[in-house]
N, C-alpha and C. Protein backbone atom coordinates (compact mmCIF):
# COMPACT_ATOMS: atom_id res chain seq x y z
N UNK A 1 -155.04 275.27 19.94
CA UNK A 1 -154.33 274.99 18.70
C UNK A 1 -153.48 273.74 18.86
N UNK A 2 -152.78 273.62 19.99
CA UNK A 2 -151.92 272.46 20.22
C UNK A 2 -152.76 271.19 20.32
N UNK A 3 -153.89 271.27 21.02
CA UNK A 3 -154.76 270.11 21.19
C UNK A 3 -155.31 269.66 19.85
N UNK A 4 -155.78 270.58 19.06
CA UNK A 4 -156.38 270.20 17.77
C UNK A 4 -155.34 269.58 16.84
N UNK A 5 -154.11 270.07 16.85
CA UNK A 5 -153.09 269.48 15.99
C UNK A 5 -152.74 268.07 16.44
N UNK A 6 -152.69 267.83 17.75
CA UNK A 6 -152.40 266.49 18.25
C UNK A 6 -153.54 265.53 17.97
N UNK A 7 -154.78 266.02 18.02
CA UNK A 7 -155.92 265.18 17.68
C UNK A 7 -155.87 264.77 16.21
N UNK A 8 -155.43 265.69 15.35
CA UNK A 8 -155.29 265.36 13.93
C UNK A 8 -154.18 264.35 13.69
N UNK A 9 -153.15 264.35 14.55
CA UNK A 9 -152.05 263.40 14.41
C UNK A 9 -152.42 261.99 14.88
N UNK A 10 -153.55 261.85 15.57
CA UNK A 10 -153.98 260.53 15.99
C UNK A 10 -154.04 260.33 17.49
N UNK A 11 -153.68 261.33 18.27
CA UNK A 11 -153.77 261.22 19.72
C UNK A 11 -155.22 261.30 20.15
N UNK A 12 -155.58 260.57 21.20
CA UNK A 12 -156.94 260.57 21.72
C UNK A 12 -156.91 260.93 23.20
N UNK A 13 -157.75 261.86 23.65
CA UNK A 13 -157.79 262.20 25.07
C UNK A 13 -158.28 261.01 25.90
N UNK A 14 -157.70 260.84 27.06
CA UNK A 14 -158.10 259.76 27.97
C UNK A 14 -159.24 260.27 28.84
N UNK A 15 -160.30 259.49 28.92
CA UNK A 15 -161.46 259.89 29.72
C UNK A 15 -161.15 259.66 31.19
N UNK A 16 -161.65 260.54 32.03
CA UNK A 16 -161.41 260.46 33.47
C UNK A 16 -162.00 259.19 34.07
N UNK A 17 -163.10 258.72 33.53
CA UNK A 17 -163.73 257.51 34.07
C UNK A 17 -162.90 256.26 33.80
N UNK A 18 -161.98 256.31 32.82
CA UNK A 18 -161.11 255.18 32.54
C UNK A 18 -160.01 255.02 33.58
N UNK A 19 -159.69 256.10 34.28
CA UNK A 19 -158.64 256.09 35.31
C UNK A 19 -159.15 256.76 36.58
N UNK A 20 -159.95 256.05 37.36
CA UNK A 20 -160.49 256.65 38.59
C UNK A 20 -159.42 256.90 39.65
N UNK A 21 -158.25 256.27 39.52
CA UNK A 21 -157.18 256.49 40.49
C UNK A 21 -156.58 257.89 40.38
N UNK A 22 -156.80 258.55 39.27
CA UNK A 22 -156.33 259.93 39.09
C UNK A 22 -157.48 260.84 39.52
N UNK A 23 -157.32 261.45 40.66
CA UNK A 23 -158.39 262.31 41.15
C UNK A 23 -158.16 263.74 40.69
N UNK A 24 -159.24 264.37 40.34
CA UNK A 24 -159.18 265.76 39.92
C UNK A 24 -160.02 266.57 40.89
N UNK A 25 -159.42 267.61 41.44
CA UNK A 25 -160.12 268.44 42.40
C UNK A 25 -161.03 269.42 41.70
N UNK A 26 -160.53 270.06 40.65
CA UNK A 26 -161.33 271.05 39.94
C UNK A 26 -161.30 270.77 38.45
N UNK A 27 -162.28 271.31 37.75
CA UNK A 27 -162.30 271.24 36.29
C UNK A 27 -161.60 272.50 35.79
N UNK A 28 -160.48 272.31 35.09
CA UNK A 28 -159.69 273.46 34.65
C UNK A 28 -160.25 274.10 33.39
N UNK A 29 -160.89 273.29 32.55
CA UNK A 29 -161.42 273.82 31.31
C UNK A 29 -162.73 273.08 31.04
N UNK A 30 -163.79 273.82 30.88
CA UNK A 30 -165.11 273.22 30.68
C UNK A 30 -165.15 272.35 29.42
N UNK A 31 -164.35 272.69 28.45
CA UNK A 31 -164.33 271.95 27.19
C UNK A 31 -163.85 270.51 27.39
N UNK A 32 -162.93 270.31 28.33
CA UNK A 32 -162.34 269.00 28.56
C UNK A 32 -162.72 268.44 29.92
N UNK A 33 -163.94 268.69 30.37
CA UNK A 33 -164.34 268.29 31.71
C UNK A 33 -164.39 266.78 31.91
N UNK A 34 -164.58 266.00 30.85
CA UNK A 34 -164.63 264.54 30.97
C UNK A 34 -163.28 263.88 30.81
N UNK A 35 -162.24 264.67 30.55
CA UNK A 35 -160.90 264.13 30.33
C UNK A 35 -160.00 264.40 31.53
N UNK A 36 -158.86 263.73 31.55
CA UNK A 36 -157.88 263.94 32.62
C UNK A 36 -157.02 265.13 32.23
N UNK A 37 -157.19 266.24 32.94
CA UNK A 37 -156.41 267.46 32.69
C UNK A 37 -155.87 267.92 34.04
N UNK A 38 -154.54 268.00 34.14
CA UNK A 38 -153.90 268.43 35.38
C UNK A 38 -152.82 269.45 35.02
N UNK A 39 -152.92 270.61 35.60
CA UNK A 39 -151.91 271.65 35.38
C UNK A 39 -151.78 272.08 33.93
N UNK A 40 -152.88 272.07 33.21
CA UNK A 40 -152.84 272.48 31.81
C UNK A 40 -152.39 271.38 30.86
N UNK A 41 -152.11 270.19 31.38
CA UNK A 41 -151.69 269.07 30.55
C UNK A 41 -152.81 268.04 30.48
N UNK A 42 -153.12 267.59 29.27
CA UNK A 42 -154.17 266.61 29.09
C UNK A 42 -153.54 265.25 28.80
N UNK A 43 -153.99 264.24 29.54
CA UNK A 43 -153.52 262.88 29.33
C UNK A 43 -154.14 262.35 28.05
N UNK A 44 -153.28 261.87 27.13
CA UNK A 44 -153.75 261.35 25.86
C UNK A 44 -153.08 260.01 25.59
N UNK A 45 -153.66 259.27 24.67
CA UNK A 45 -153.09 257.99 24.27
C UNK A 45 -153.05 257.97 22.75
N UNK A 46 -152.17 257.11 22.23
CA UNK A 46 -152.04 256.97 20.79
C UNK A 46 -151.87 255.50 20.45
N UNK A 47 -152.30 255.10 19.28
CA UNK A 47 -152.10 253.71 18.86
C UNK A 47 -150.61 253.39 18.74
N UNK A 48 -150.26 252.13 18.99
CA UNK A 48 -148.86 251.70 18.92
C UNK A 48 -148.29 251.92 17.52
N UNK A 49 -149.15 251.82 16.50
CA UNK A 49 -148.68 252.02 15.12
C UNK A 49 -148.13 253.43 14.93
N UNK A 50 -148.75 254.41 15.60
CA UNK A 50 -148.31 255.80 15.48
C UNK A 50 -146.90 255.95 16.02
N UNK A 51 -146.62 255.36 17.18
CA UNK A 51 -145.28 255.48 17.75
C UNK A 51 -144.26 254.69 16.93
N UNK A 52 -144.66 253.54 16.38
CA UNK A 52 -143.74 252.77 15.54
C UNK A 52 -143.39 253.52 14.27
N UNK A 53 -144.38 254.18 13.65
CA UNK A 53 -144.12 254.99 12.45
C UNK A 53 -143.19 256.14 12.78
N UNK A 54 -143.41 256.80 13.93
CA UNK A 54 -142.56 257.91 14.33
C UNK A 54 -141.13 257.45 14.56
N UNK A 55 -140.98 256.31 15.26
CA UNK A 55 -139.64 255.78 15.52
C UNK A 55 -138.94 255.40 14.23
N UNK A 56 -139.67 254.79 13.30
CA UNK A 56 -139.09 254.42 12.01
C UNK A 56 -138.65 255.65 11.23
N UNK A 57 -139.46 256.71 11.27
CA UNK A 57 -139.12 257.95 10.57
C UNK A 57 -137.81 258.52 11.10
N UNK A 58 -137.69 258.61 12.44
CA UNK A 58 -136.48 259.18 13.01
C UNK A 58 -135.27 258.27 12.82
N UNK A 59 -135.49 256.97 12.77
CA UNK A 59 -134.39 256.05 12.51
C UNK A 59 -133.87 256.23 11.08
N UNK A 60 -134.79 256.40 10.12
CA UNK A 60 -134.38 256.65 8.74
C UNK A 60 -133.66 257.98 8.61
N UNK A 61 -134.14 258.98 9.34
CA UNK A 61 -133.50 260.29 9.31
C UNK A 61 -132.09 260.20 9.89
N UNK A 62 -131.94 259.46 10.97
CA UNK A 62 -130.63 259.27 11.59
C UNK A 62 -129.69 258.52 10.65
N UNK A 63 -130.18 257.45 10.01
CA UNK A 63 -129.35 256.70 9.06
C UNK A 63 -128.90 257.57 7.89
N UNK A 64 -129.79 258.43 7.41
CA UNK A 64 -129.44 259.32 6.30
C UNK A 64 -128.36 260.31 6.72
N UNK A 65 -128.43 260.81 7.94
CA UNK A 65 -127.41 261.74 8.42
C UNK A 65 -126.07 261.05 8.58
N UNK A 66 -126.07 259.83 9.12
CA UNK A 66 -124.81 259.09 9.27
C UNK A 66 -124.21 258.79 7.91
N UNK A 67 -125.05 258.38 6.96
CA UNK A 67 -124.57 258.10 5.60
C UNK A 67 -123.97 259.35 4.97
N UNK A 68 -124.61 260.49 5.18
CA UNK A 68 -124.11 261.74 4.63
C UNK A 68 -122.76 262.12 5.22
N UNK A 69 -122.61 261.95 6.52
CA UNK A 69 -121.33 262.26 7.18
C UNK A 69 -120.25 261.31 6.69
N UNK A 70 -120.58 260.03 6.55
CA UNK A 70 -119.61 259.05 6.04
C UNK A 70 -119.16 259.40 4.64
N UNK A 71 -120.11 259.77 3.78
CA UNK A 71 -119.75 260.14 2.40
C UNK A 71 -118.85 261.36 2.39
N UNK A 72 -119.16 262.33 3.22
CA UNK A 72 -118.36 263.55 3.28
C UNK A 72 -116.96 263.24 3.79
N UNK A 73 -116.86 262.36 4.78
CA UNK A 73 -115.56 261.99 5.34
C UNK A 73 -114.73 261.22 4.32
N UNK A 74 -115.33 260.24 3.67
CA UNK A 74 -114.59 259.40 2.74
C UNK A 74 -114.25 260.12 1.44
N UNK A 75 -114.92 261.22 1.17
CA UNK A 75 -114.58 262.00 -0.02
C UNK A 75 -113.17 262.58 0.12
N UNK A 76 -112.77 262.83 1.36
CA UNK A 76 -111.45 263.38 1.62
C UNK A 76 -110.38 262.30 1.77
N UNK A 77 -110.75 261.04 1.60
CA UNK A 77 -109.83 259.93 1.78
C UNK A 77 -108.76 259.92 0.69
N UNK A 78 -107.54 259.61 1.07
CA UNK A 78 -106.41 259.53 0.15
C UNK A 78 -105.74 258.18 0.40
N UNK A 79 -105.47 257.39 -0.66
CA UNK A 79 -104.85 256.08 -0.46
C UNK A 79 -103.49 256.14 0.23
N UNK A 80 -102.79 257.26 0.09
CA UNK A 80 -101.48 257.40 0.73
C UNK A 80 -101.61 257.57 2.24
N UNK A 81 -102.73 258.09 2.67
CA UNK A 81 -102.98 258.29 4.10
C UNK A 81 -104.46 258.05 4.35
N UNK A 82 -104.84 256.79 4.47
CA UNK A 82 -106.27 256.47 4.58
C UNK A 82 -106.88 256.93 5.90
N UNK A 83 -108.14 257.29 5.79
CA UNK A 83 -108.91 257.63 6.98
C UNK A 83 -109.61 256.37 7.48
N UNK A 84 -109.72 256.27 8.76
CA UNK A 84 -110.41 255.13 9.33
C UNK A 84 -111.76 255.59 9.84
N UNK A 85 -112.75 254.79 9.58
CA UNK A 85 -114.11 255.11 9.99
C UNK A 85 -114.58 254.03 10.97
N UNK A 86 -114.06 254.08 12.16
CA UNK A 86 -114.43 253.09 13.17
C UNK A 86 -115.48 253.67 14.09
N UNK A 87 -116.49 252.89 14.35
CA UNK A 87 -117.56 253.32 15.25
C UNK A 87 -117.53 252.46 16.50
N UNK A 88 -116.61 252.76 17.36
CA UNK A 88 -116.50 252.04 18.62
C UNK A 88 -116.51 253.06 19.75
N UNK A 89 -117.18 252.71 20.80
CA UNK A 89 -117.15 253.55 21.98
C UNK A 89 -116.67 252.70 23.14
N UNK A 90 -116.02 253.33 24.07
CA UNK A 90 -115.48 252.61 25.21
C UNK A 90 -115.60 253.51 26.43
N UNK A 91 -116.11 252.96 27.48
CA UNK A 91 -116.26 253.70 28.72
C UNK A 91 -115.20 253.21 29.68
N UNK A 92 -114.42 254.12 30.19
CA UNK A 92 -113.40 253.75 31.18
C UNK A 92 -113.59 254.63 32.41
N UNK A 93 -113.15 254.12 33.50
CA UNK A 93 -113.22 254.87 34.74
C UNK A 93 -111.80 255.09 35.25
N UNK A 94 -111.55 256.27 35.76
CA UNK A 94 -110.21 256.59 36.26
C UNK A 94 -109.88 255.76 37.50
N UNK A 95 -108.59 255.57 37.70
CA UNK A 95 -108.14 254.83 38.88
C UNK A 95 -108.00 255.80 40.04
N UNK A 96 -108.60 255.44 41.16
CA UNK A 96 -108.52 256.30 42.33
C UNK A 96 -107.16 256.23 42.98
N UNK A 97 -106.76 257.28 43.68
CA UNK A 97 -105.46 257.28 44.35
C UNK A 97 -105.61 256.93 45.79
């Protein structure tokens, strides 16, 4: 079930003859005998467009969450006591004795 869903998503199994440096002692599953399968894991590849689309999707999802948090925070803003929305991080190391 997992393999078929990944194949539908665009992943392609890597053939064993494409990577002779990966040696296989036994065939774990007759169905995938021509592919690289080690310990129940099958080596697969995907087009770069697939990973770019995935990264763009998660970036948009992240931006939407940040926007939502900002809107929620600024809704509570009062001009008499303004809230600051600074996004700065700083790494410091303690001084040894």
